[in-house]
Each structure stands twice: as structure tokens, then as C-alpha cells.
Amino acid sequence: MLADLGLNANGYRTLTSKPGHHQTAIQTLPLTMGIDPSTVRILDALRKQRNLTEYSGDLIADSVVKESVEQAKTLLAWTEAWLAKHHSGLL
């Protein structure tokens, strides 16, 4: 959702009717909000894990859940700061 926010704030959106829109949104974070590419690789790996779990029904390891929560908190803080700096009218 935060990756979509970055796209939307910049006047873009993904086609949610097409497969891969979550991947596209995450992979554009360096361009839309200046997120470091190494962070994007982590977020994309967590996205892949979520997809596997959602479609296979496998359980997610506690460590992956913890990492997901930490990454989400970090991305939320980054997004709030980015919005304040670049799109304060959206806050």
C-alpha cells in the first residue's frame, strides 16, 4: 500500500487488474520515493514469501513475520517523512 502511495503521489498507478502490480509498485520505490535499492530487494523478497504463503497455505516463519513488521514500520516512517517533504498537502 505504501508503494502504491508513492506511485499515486507522483501521478502514476499500477493496473490492479493485471498480475504483478504489487511487484511493480515495490520495484519503483527508488524512483518514486528514493528508497535504497537494497531495501527494495528485501521488500520484494518478503512480497514473494507472502505470495507463496497466500497461494500454497504454508505457514510463515516467525522470523519472517518479525522482519515484515520491522520493514513495514521503517517504510511507513520513510513514507511519512517523504510526504511531508515532497507532498505535504497529502498529509
PDB file of N, CA and C in Angstrom:
ATOM      1  N   MET A   1       0.827  -1.196   0.000  1.00  0.00           N
ATOM      2  CA  MET A   1       0.000   0.000   0.000  1.00  0.00           C
ATOM      3  C   MET A   1       0.870   1.259   0.000  1.00  0.00           C
ATOM      4  N   LEU A   2       1.959   1.239   0.754  1.00  0.00           N
ATOM      5  CA  LEU A   2       2.834   2.407   0.790  1.00  0.00           C
ATOM      6  C   LEU A   2       3.535   2.614  -0.548  1.00  0.00           C
ATOM      7  N   ALA A   3       3.888   1.534  -1.202  1.00  0.00           N
ATOM      8  CA  ALA A   3       4.497   1.644  -2.528  1.00  0.00           C
ATOM      9  C   ALA A   3       3.493   2.238  -3.517  1.00  0.00           C
ATOM     10  N   ASP A   4       2.243   1.835  -3.415  1.00  0.00           N
ATOM     11  CA  ASP A   4       1.190   2.418  -4.255  1.00  0.00           C
ATOM     12  C   ASP A   4       1.037   3.904  -3.969  1.00  0.00           C
ATOM     13  N   LEU A   5       1.144   4.272  -2.709  1.00  0.00           N
ATOM     14  CA  LEU A   5       1.048   5.679  -2.336  1.00  0.00           C
ATOM     15  C   LEU A   5       2.133   6.491  -3.033  1.00  0.00           C
ATOM     16  N   GLY A   6       3.350   5.956  -3.065  1.00  0.00           N
ATOM     17  CA  GLY A   6       4.441   6.643  -3.755  1.00  0.00           C
ATOM     18  C   GLY A   6       4.141   6.846  -5.225  1.00  0.00           C
ATOM     19  N   LEU A   7       3.622   5.825  -5.859  1.00  0.00           N
ATOM     20  CA  LEU A   7       3.231   5.955  -7.269  1.00  0.00           C
ATOM     21  C   LEU A   7       2.128   6.992  -7.434  1.00  0.00           C
ATOM     22  N   ASN A   8       1.077   6.868  -6.633  1.00  0.00           N
ATOM     23  CA  ASN A   8      -0.071   7.767  -6.754  1.00  0.00           C
ATOM     24  C   ASN A   8       0.310   9.223  -6.496  1.00  0.00           C
ATOM     25  N   ALA A   9       1.144   9.461  -5.490  1.00  0.00           N
ATOM     26  CA  ALA A   9       1.564  10.829  -5.173  1.00  0.00           C
ATOM     27  C   ALA A   9       2.331  11.453  -6.328  1.00  0.00           C
ATOM     28  N   ASN A  10       2.966  10.624  -7.141  1.00  0.00           N
ATOM     29  CA  ASN A  10       3.710  11.103  -8.300  1.00  0.00           C
ATOM     30  C   ASN A  10       2.883  11.074  -9.584  1.00  0.00           C
ATOM     31  N   GLY A  11       1.609  10.772  -9.463  1.00  0.00           N
ATOM     32  CA  GLY A  11       0.721  10.802 -10.615  1.00  0.00           C
ATOM     33  C   GLY A  11       0.645   9.516 -11.412  1.00  0.00           C
ATOM     34  N   TYR A  12       1.067   8.412 -10.823  1.00  0.00           N
ATOM     35  CA  TYR A  12       1.045   7.116 -11.514  1.00  0.00           C
ATOM     36  C   TYR A  12       0.224   6.109 -10.725  1.00  0.00           C
ATOM     37  N   ARG A  13      -0.108   5.022 -11.386  1.00  0.00           N
ATOM     38  CA  ARG A  13      -0.754   3.908 -10.704  1.00  0.00           C
ATOM     39  C   ARG A  13      -0.482   2.635 -11.481  1.00  0.00           C
ATOM     40  N   THR A  14      -0.575   1.515 -10.761  1.00  0.00           N
ATOM     41  CA  THR A  14      -0.439   0.230 -11.436  1.00  0.00           C
ATOM     42  C   THR A  14      -1.818  -0.248 -11.850  1.00  0.00           C
ATOM     43  N   LEU A  15      -1.848  -1.127 -12.797  1.00  0.00           N
ATOM     44  CA  LEU A  15      -3.111  -1.736 -13.200  1.00  0.00           C
ATOM     45  C   LEU A  15      -3.368  -2.927 -12.289  1.00  0.00           C
ATOM     46  N   THR A  16      -4.272  -2.777 -11.360  1.00  0.00           N
ATOM     47  CA  THR A  16      -4.535  -3.849 -10.398  1.00  0.00           C
ATOM     48  C   THR A  16      -5.236  -5.037 -11.054  1.00  0.00           C
ATOM     49  N   SER A  17      -5.730  -4.849 -12.255  1.00  0.00           N
ATOM     50  CA  SER A  17      -6.366  -5.964 -12.958  1.00  0.00           C
ATOM     51  C   SER A  17      -5.342  -6.884 -13.616  1.00  0.00           C
ATOM     52  N   LYS A  18      -4.090  -6.469 -13.619  1.00  0.00           N
ATOM     53  CA  LYS A  18      -3.027  -7.264 -14.232  1.00  0.00           C
ATOM     54  C   LYS A  18      -2.143  -7.886 -13.154  1.00  0.00           C
ATOM     55  N   PRO A  19      -1.697  -9.132 -13.369  1.00  0.00           N
ATOM     56  CA  PRO A  19      -0.774  -9.744 -12.409  1.00  0.00           C
ATOM     57  C   PRO A  19       0.532  -8.951 -12.322  1.00  0.00           C
ATOM     58  N   GLY A  20       1.113  -8.939 -11.147  1.00  0.00           N
ATOM     59  CA  GLY A  20       2.406  -8.296 -10.965  1.00  0.00           C
ATOM     60  C   GLY A  20       2.348  -6.860 -10.494  1.00  0.00           C
ATOM     61  N   HIS A  21       1.161  -6.347 -10.176  1.00  0.00           N
ATOM     62  CA  HIS A  21       1.092  -4.939  -9.788  1.00  0.00           C
ATOM     63  C   HIS A  21       1.767  -4.659  -8.449  1.00  0.00           C
ATOM     64  N   HIS A  22       1.749  -5.618  -7.520  1.00  0.00           N
ATOM     65  CA  HIS A  22       2.465  -5.413  -6.255  1.00  0.00           C
ATOM     66  C   HIS A  22       3.969  -5.347  -6.496  1.00  0.00           C
ATOM     67  N   GLN A  23       4.455  -6.243  -7.314  1.00  0.00           N
ATOM     68  CA  GLN A  23       5.876  -6.267  -7.648  1.00  0.00           C
ATOM     69  C   GLN A  23       6.291  -4.953  -8.308  1.00  0.00           C
ATOM     70  N   THR A  24       5.504  -4.489  -9.247  1.00  0.00           N
ATOM     71  CA  THR A  24       5.805  -3.246  -9.946  1.00  0.00           C
ATOM     72  C   THR A  24       5.863  -2.080  -8.970  1.00  0.00           C
ATOM     73  N   ALA A  25       4.888  -1.982  -8.090  1.00  0.00           N
ATOM     74  CA  ALA A  25       4.845  -0.880  -7.129  1.00  0.00           C
ATOM     75  C   ALA A  25       6.080  -0.894  -6.236  1.00  0.00           C
ATOM     76  N   ILE A  26       6.451  -2.056  -5.745  1.00  0.00           N
ATOM     77  CA  ILE A  26       7.620  -2.159  -4.868  1.00  0.00           C
ATOM     78  C   ILE A  26       8.901  -1.821  -5.628  1.00  0.00           C
ATOM     79  N   GLN A  27       9.017  -2.312  -6.826  1.00  0.00           N
ATOM     80  CA  GLN A  27      10.250  -2.103  -7.587  1.00  0.00           C
ATOM     81  C   GLN A  27      10.426  -0.662  -8.055  1.00  0.00           C
ATOM     82  N   THR A  28       9.383   0.147  -8.027  1.00  0.00           N
ATOM     83  CA  THR A  28       9.510   1.552  -8.412  1.00  0.00           C
ATOM     84  C   THR A  28       9.876   2.455  -7.229  1.00  0.00           C
ATOM     85  N   LEU A  29       9.954   1.909  -6.026  1.00  0.00           N
ATOM     86  CA  LEU A  29      10.235   2.732  -4.850  1.00  0.00           C
ATOM     87  C   LEU A  29      11.498   3.589  -4.953  1.00  0.00           C
ATOM     88  N   PRO A  30      12.591   3.121  -5.556  1.00  0.00           N
ATOM     89  CA  PRO A  30      13.752   4.016  -5.692  1.00  0.00           C
ATOM     90  C   PRO A  30      13.432   5.271  -6.517  1.00  0.00           C
ATOM     91  N   LEU A  31      12.576   5.130  -7.497  1.00  0.00           N
ATOM     92  CA  LEU A  31      12.207   6.264  -8.351  1.00  0.00           C
ATOM     93  C   LEU A  31      11.112   7.131  -7.739  1.00  0.00           C
ATOM     94  N   THR A  32      10.155   6.504  -7.096  1.00  0.00           N
ATOM     95  CA  THR A  32       9.023   7.272  -6.579  1.00  0.00           C
ATOM     96  C   THR A  32       9.310   7.940  -5.243  1.00  0.00           C
ATOM     97  N   MET A  33      10.037   7.255  -4.345  1.00  0.00           N
ATOM     98  CA  MET A  33      10.264   7.811  -3.013  1.00  0.00           C
ATOM     99  C   MET A  33      11.721   7.788  -2.578  1.00  0.00           C
ATOM    100  N   GLY A  34      12.626   7.437  -3.479  1.00  0.00           N
ATOM    101  CA  GLY A  34      14.040   7.456  -3.146  1.00  0.00           C
ATOM    102  C   GLY A  34      14.492   6.375  -2.181  1.00  0.00           C
ATOM    103  N   ILE A  35      13.783   5.262  -2.157  1.00  0.00           N
ATOM    104  CA  ILE A  35      14.149   4.138  -1.288  1.00  0.00           C
ATOM    105  C   ILE A  35      15.395   3.460  -1.852  1.00  0.00           C
ATOM    106  N   ASP A  36      16.311   3.091  -0.980  1.00  0.00           N
ATOM    107  CA  ASP A  36      17.542   2.420  -1.387  1.00  0.00           C
ATOM    108  C   ASP A  36      17.217   1.080  -2.058  1.00  0.00           C
ATOM    109  N   PRO A  37      17.865   0.773  -3.182  1.00  0.00           N
ATOM    110  CA  PRO A  37      17.602  -0.496  -3.872  1.00  0.00           C
ATOM    111  C   PRO A  37      17.807  -1.736  -2.999  1.00  0.00           C
ATOM    112  N   SER A  38      18.727  -1.694  -2.056  1.00  0.00           N
ATOM    113  CA  SER A  38      18.917  -2.864  -1.186  1.00  0.00           C
ATOM    114  C   SER A  38      17.684  -3.099  -0.316  1.00  0.00           C
ATOM    115  N   THR A  39      17.020  -2.038   0.097  1.00  0.00           N
ATOM    116  CA  THR A  39      15.769  -2.171   0.856  1.00  0.00           C
ATOM    117  C   THR A  39      14.674  -2.732  -0.030  1.00  0.00           C
ATOM    118  N   VAL A  40      14.646  -2.311  -1.274  1.00  0.00           N
ATOM    119  CA  VAL A  40      13.648  -2.808  -2.224  1.00  0.00           C
ATOM    120  C   VAL A  40      13.810  -4.315  -2.417  1.00  0.00           C
ATOM    121  N   ARG A  41      15.047  -4.794  -2.460  1.00  0.00           N
ATOM    122  CA  ARG A  41      15.272  -6.240  -2.606  1.00  0.00           C
ATOM    123  C   ARG A  41      14.697  -6.996  -1.403  1.00  0.00           C
ATOM    124  N   ILE A  42      14.863  -6.443  -0.222  1.00  0.00           N
ATOM    125  CA  ILE A  42      14.295  -7.077   0.979  1.00  0.00           C
ATOM    126  C   ILE A  42      12.775  -7.073   0.905  1.00  0.00           C
ATOM    127  N   LEU A  43      12.190  -5.926   0.567  1.00  0.00           N
ATOM    128  CA  LEU A  43      10.730  -5.829   0.471  1.00  0.00           C
ATOM    129  C   LEU A  43      10.183  -6.778  -0.585  1.00  0.00           C
ATOM    130  N   ASP A  44      10.895  -6.895  -1.687  1.00  0.00           N
ATOM    131  CA  ASP A  44      10.434  -7.790  -2.752  1.00  0.00           C
ATOM    132  C   ASP A  44      10.526  -9.251  -2.320  1.00  0.00           C
ATOM    133  N   ALA A  45      11.567  -9.605  -1.580  1.00  0.00           N
ATOM    134  CA  ALA A  45      11.685 -10.974  -1.066  1.00  0.00           C
ATOM    135  C   ALA A  45      10.545 -11.277  -0.095  1.00  0.00           C
ATOM    136  N   LEU A  46      10.187 -10.313   0.730  1.00  0.00           N
ATOM    137  CA  LEU A  46       9.066 -10.513   1.652  1.00  0.00           C
ATOM    138  C   LEU A  46       7.747 -10.618   0.885  1.00  0.00           C
ATOM    139  N   ARG A  47       7.614  -9.851  -0.187  1.00  0.00           N
ATOM    140  CA  ARG A  47       6.421  -9.944  -1.032  1.00  0.00           C
ATOM    141  C   ARG A  47       6.303 -11.341  -1.632  1.00  0.00           C
ATOM    142  N   LYS A  48       7.432 -11.874  -2.106  1.00  0.00           N
ATOM    143  CA  LYS A  48       7.432 -13.225  -2.676  1.00  0.00           C
ATOM    144  C   LYS A  48       7.028 -14.260  -1.628  1.00  0.00           C
ATOM    145  N   GLN A  49       7.530 -14.098  -0.420  1.00  0.00           N
ATOM    146  CA  GLN A  49       7.173 -15.010   0.666  1.00  0.00           C
ATOM    147  C   GLN A  49       5.673 -14.948   0.946  1.00  0.00           C
ATOM    148  N   ARG A  50       5.135 -13.745   0.965  1.00  0.00           N
ATOM    149  CA  ARG A  50       3.691 -13.568   1.184  1.00  0.00           C
ATOM    150  C   ARG A  50       2.896 -14.278   0.086  1.00  0.00           C
ATOM    151  N   ASN A  51       3.334 -14.106  -1.159  1.00  0.00           N
ATOM    152  CA  ASN A  51       2.630 -14.757  -2.266  1.00  0.00           C
ATOM    153  C   ASN A  51       2.654 -16.274  -2.127  1.00  0.00           C
ATOM    154  N   LEU A  52       3.811 -16.828  -1.804  1.00  0.00           N
ATOM    155  CA  LEU A  52       3.902 -18.280  -1.624  1.00  0.00           C
ATOM    156  C   LEU A  52       2.940 -18.761  -0.554  1.00  0.00           C
ATOM    157  N   THR A  53       2.903 -18.037   0.535  1.00  0.00           N
ATOM    158  CA  THR A  53       2.037 -18.417   1.650  1.00  0.00           C
ATOM    159  C   THR A  53       0.570 -18.289   1.274  1.00  0.00           C
ATOM    160  N   GLU A  54       0.242 -17.210   0.614  1.00  0.00           N
ATOM    161  CA  GLU A  54      -1.159 -16.966   0.268  1.00  0.00           C
ATOM    162  C   GLU A  54      -1.704 -18.032  -0.671  1.00  0.00           C
ATOM    163  N   TYR A  55      -0.881 -18.462  -1.605  1.00  0.00           N
ATOM    164  CA  TYR A  55      -1.364 -19.408  -2.610  1.00  0.00           C
ATOM    165  C   TYR A  55      -1.114 -20.866  -2.259  1.00  0.00           C
ATOM    166  N   SER A  56      -0.159 -21.147  -1.374  1.00  0.00           N
ATOM    167  CA  SER A  56       0.117 -22.533  -1.017  1.00  0.00           C
ATOM    168  C   SER A  56      -0.463 -22.921   0.333  1.00  0.00           C
ATOM    169  N   GLY A  57      -0.730 -21.927   1.172  1.00  0.00           N
ATOM    170  CA  GLY A  57      -1.244 -22.214   2.503  1.00  0.00           C
ATOM    171  C   GLY A  57      -0.158 -22.555   3.510  1.00  0.00           C
ATOM    172  N   ASP A  58       1.101 -22.514   3.090  1.00  0.00           N
ATOM    173  CA  ASP A  58       2.203 -22.784   4.014  1.00  0.00           C
ATOM    174  C   ASP A  58       2.266 -21.711   5.083  1.00  0.00           C
ATOM    175  N   LEU A  59       2.757 -22.101   6.241  1.00  0.00           N
ATOM    176  CA  LEU A  59       2.921 -21.150   7.330  1.00  0.00           C
ATOM    177  C   LEU A  59       4.171 -20.306   7.111  1.00  0.00           C
ATOM    178  N   ILE A  60       4.142 -19.096   7.644  1.00  0.00           N
ATOM    179  CA  ILE A  60       5.290 -18.193   7.570  1.00  0.00           C
ATOM    180  C   ILE A  60       6.067 -18.313   8.871  1.00  0.00           C
ATOM    181  N   ALA A  61       7.373 -18.394   8.775  1.00  0.00           N
ATOM    182  CA  ALA A  61       8.223 -18.476   9.960  1.00  0.00           C
ATOM    183  C   ALA A  61       8.091 -17.193  10.782  1.00  0.00           C
ATOM    184  N   ASP A  62       8.171 -17.332  12.093  1.00  0.00           N
ATOM    185  CA  ASP A  62       8.081 -16.174  12.988  1.00  0.00           C
ATOM    186  C   ASP A  62       9.108 -15.110  12.626  1.00  0.00           C
ATOM    187  N   SER A  63      10.305 -15.534  12.231  1.00  0.00           N
ATOM    188  CA  SER A  63      11.356 -14.579  11.874  1.00  0.00           C
ATOM    189  C   SER A  63      10.954 -13.743  10.657  1.00  0.00           C
ATOM    190  N   VAL A  64      10.248 -14.355   9.722  1.00  0.00           N
ATOM    191  CA  VAL A  64       9.809 -13.635   8.524  1.00  0.00           C
ATOM    192  C   VAL A  64       8.707 -12.638   8.895  1.00  0.00           C
ATOM    193  N   VAL A  65       7.820 -13.044   9.777  1.00  0.00           N
ATOM    194  CA  VAL A  65       6.767 -12.139  10.238  1.00  0.00           C
ATOM    195  C   VAL A  65       7.392 -10.937  10.945  1.00  0.00           C
ATOM    196  N   LYS A  66       8.354 -11.197  11.814  1.00  0.00           N
ATOM    197  CA  LYS A  66       9.023 -10.120  12.541  1.00  0.00           C
ATOM    198  C   LYS A  66       9.725  -9.167  11.564  1.00  0.00           C
ATOM    199  N   GLU A  67      10.444  -9.719  10.596  1.00  0.00           N
ATOM    200  CA  GLU A  67      11.130  -8.893   9.593  1.00  0.00           C
ATOM    201  C   GLU A  67      10.128  -8.080   8.790  1.00  0.00           C
ATOM    202  N   SER A  68       9.001  -8.667   8.445  1.00  0.00           N
ATOM    203  CA  SER A  68       7.968  -7.960   7.686  1.00  0.00           C
ATOM    204  C   SER A  68       7.431  -6.766   8.463  1.00  0.00           C
ATOM    205  N   VAL A  69       7.175  -6.968   9.735  1.00  0.00           N
ATOM    206  CA  VAL A  69       6.663  -5.886  10.580  1.00  0.00           C
ATOM    207  C   VAL A  69       7.693  -4.774  10.705  1.00  0.00           C
ATOM    208  N   GLU A  70       8.945  -5.132  10.923  1.00  0.00           N
ATOM    209  CA  GLU A  70      10.005  -4.123  11.052  1.00  0.00           C
ATOM    210  C   GLU A  70      10.178  -3.336   9.748  1.00  0.00           C
ATOM    211  N   GLN A  71      10.166  -4.037   8.629  1.00  0.00           N
ATOM    212  CA  GLN A  71      10.295  -3.359   7.338  1.00  0.00           C
ATOM    213  C   GLN A  71       9.094  -2.440   7.084  1.00  0.00           C
ATOM    214  N   ALA A  72       7.915  -2.886   7.467  1.00  0.00           N
ATOM    215  CA  ALA A  72       6.715  -2.064   7.284  1.00  0.00           C
ATOM    216  C   ALA A  72       6.794  -0.794   8.131  1.00  0.00           C
ATOM    217  N   LYS A  73       7.242  -0.919   9.365  1.00  0.00           N
ATOM    218  CA  LYS A  73       7.390   0.261  10.232  1.00  0.00           C
ATOM    219  C   LYS A  73       8.400   1.236   9.655  1.00  0.00           C
ATOM    220  N   THR A  74       9.512   0.709   9.168  1.00  0.00           N
ATOM    221  CA  THR A  74      10.549   1.558   8.589  1.00  0.00           C
ATOM    222  C   THR A  74      10.042   2.258   7.334  1.00  0.00           C
ATOM    223  N   LEU A  75       9.346   1.514   6.480  1.00  0.00           N
ATOM    224  CA  LEU A  75       8.815   2.103   5.253  1.00  0.00           C
ATOM    225  C   LEU A  75       7.746   3.141   5.568  1.00  0.00           C
ATOM    226  N   LEU A  76       6.929   2.908   6.576  1.00  0.00           N
ATOM    227  CA  LEU A  76       5.912   3.879   6.967  1.00  0.00           C
ATOM    228  C   LEU A  76       6.561   5.183   7.427  1.00  0.00           C
ATOM    229  N   ALA A  77       7.584   5.085   8.261  1.00  0.00           N
ATOM    230  CA  ALA A  77       8.277   6.283   8.734  1.00  0.00           C
ATOM    231  C   ALA A  77       8.903   7.035   7.555  1.00  0.00           C
ATOM    232  N   TRP A  78       9.542   6.298   6.645  1.00  0.00           N
ATOM    233  CA  TRP A  78      10.151   6.918   5.464  1.00  0.00           C
ATOM    234  C   TRP A  78       9.083   7.622   4.631  1.00  0.00           C
ATOM    235  N   THR A  79       7.955   6.943   4.435  1.00  0.00           N
ATOM    236  CA  THR A  79       6.875   7.493   3.615  1.00  0.00           C
ATOM    237  C   THR A  79       6.313   8.767   4.231  1.00  0.00           C
ATOM    238  N   GLU A  80       6.107   8.768   5.536  1.00  0.00           N
ATOM    239  CA  GLU A  80       5.594   9.966   6.206  1.00  0.00           C
ATOM    240  C   GLU A  80       6.554  11.137   6.035  1.00  0.00           C
ATOM    241  N   ALA A  81       7.855  10.890   6.194  1.00  0.00           N
ATOM    242  CA  ALA A  81       8.850  11.953   6.030  1.00  0.00           C
ATOM    243  C   ALA A  81       8.899  12.418   4.582  1.00  0.00           C
ATOM    244  N   TRP A  82       8.843  11.477   3.651  1.00  0.00           N
ATOM    245  CA  TRP A  82       8.873  11.804   2.226  1.00  0.00           C
ATOM    246  C   TRP A  82       7.656  12.637   1.841  1.00  0.00           C
ATOM    247  N   LEU A  83       6.484  12.243   2.332  1.00  0.00           N
ATOM    248  CA  LEU A  83       5.277  13.019   2.048  1.00  0.00           C
ATOM    249  C   LEU A  83       5.372  14.426   2.614  1.00  0.00           C
ATOM    250  N   ALA A  84       5.844  14.548   3.846  1.00  0.00           N
ATOM    251  CA  ALA A  84       5.986  15.866   4.474  1.00  0.00           C
ATOM    252  C   ALA A  84       6.894  16.774   3.652  1.00  0.00           C
ATOM    253  N   LYS A  85       7.940  16.206   3.084  1.00  0.00           N
ATOM    254  CA  LYS A  85       8.905  16.977   2.326  1.00  0.00           C
ATOM    255  C   LYS A  85       8.431  17.297   0.901  1.00  0.00           C
ATOM    256  N   HIS A  86       7.815  16.318   0.248  1.00  0.00           N
ATOM    257  CA  HIS A  86       7.510  16.455  -1.174  1.00  0.00           C
ATOM    258  C   HIS A  86       6.034  16.668  -1.506  1.00  0.00           C
ATOM    259  N   HIS A  87       5.150  16.221  -0.645  1.00  0.00           N
ATOM    260  CA  HIS A  87       3.710  16.303  -0.922  1.00  0.00           C
ATOM    261  C   HIS A  87       2.945  16.577   0.365  1.00  0.00           C
ATOM    262  N   SER A  88       3.303  17.636   1.067  1.00  0.00           N
ATOM    263  CA  SER A  88       2.720  17.903   2.388  1.00  0.00           C
ATOM    264  C   SER A  88       1.200  18.068   2.341  1.00  0.00           C
ATOM    265  N   GLY A  89       0.676  18.458   1.190  1.00  0.00           N
ATOM    266  CA  GLY A  89      -0.778  18.607   1.058  1.00  0.00           C
ATOM    267  C   GLY A  89      -1.517  17.285   1.142  1.00  0.00           C
ATOM    268  N   LEU A  90      -0.818  16.175   1.017  1.00  0.00           N
ATOM    269  CA  LEU A  90      -1.469  14.867   1.092  1.00  0.00           C
ATOM    270  C   LEU A  90      -1.553  14.346   2.520  1.00  0.00           C
ATOM    271  N   LEU A  91      -0.882  15.028   3.448  1.00  0.00           N
ATOM    272  CA  LEU A  91      -0.908  14.558   4.846  1.00  0.00           C
ATOM    273  C   LEU A  91      -2.170  15.009   5.559  1.00  0.00           C
TER     274      LEU A  91
END
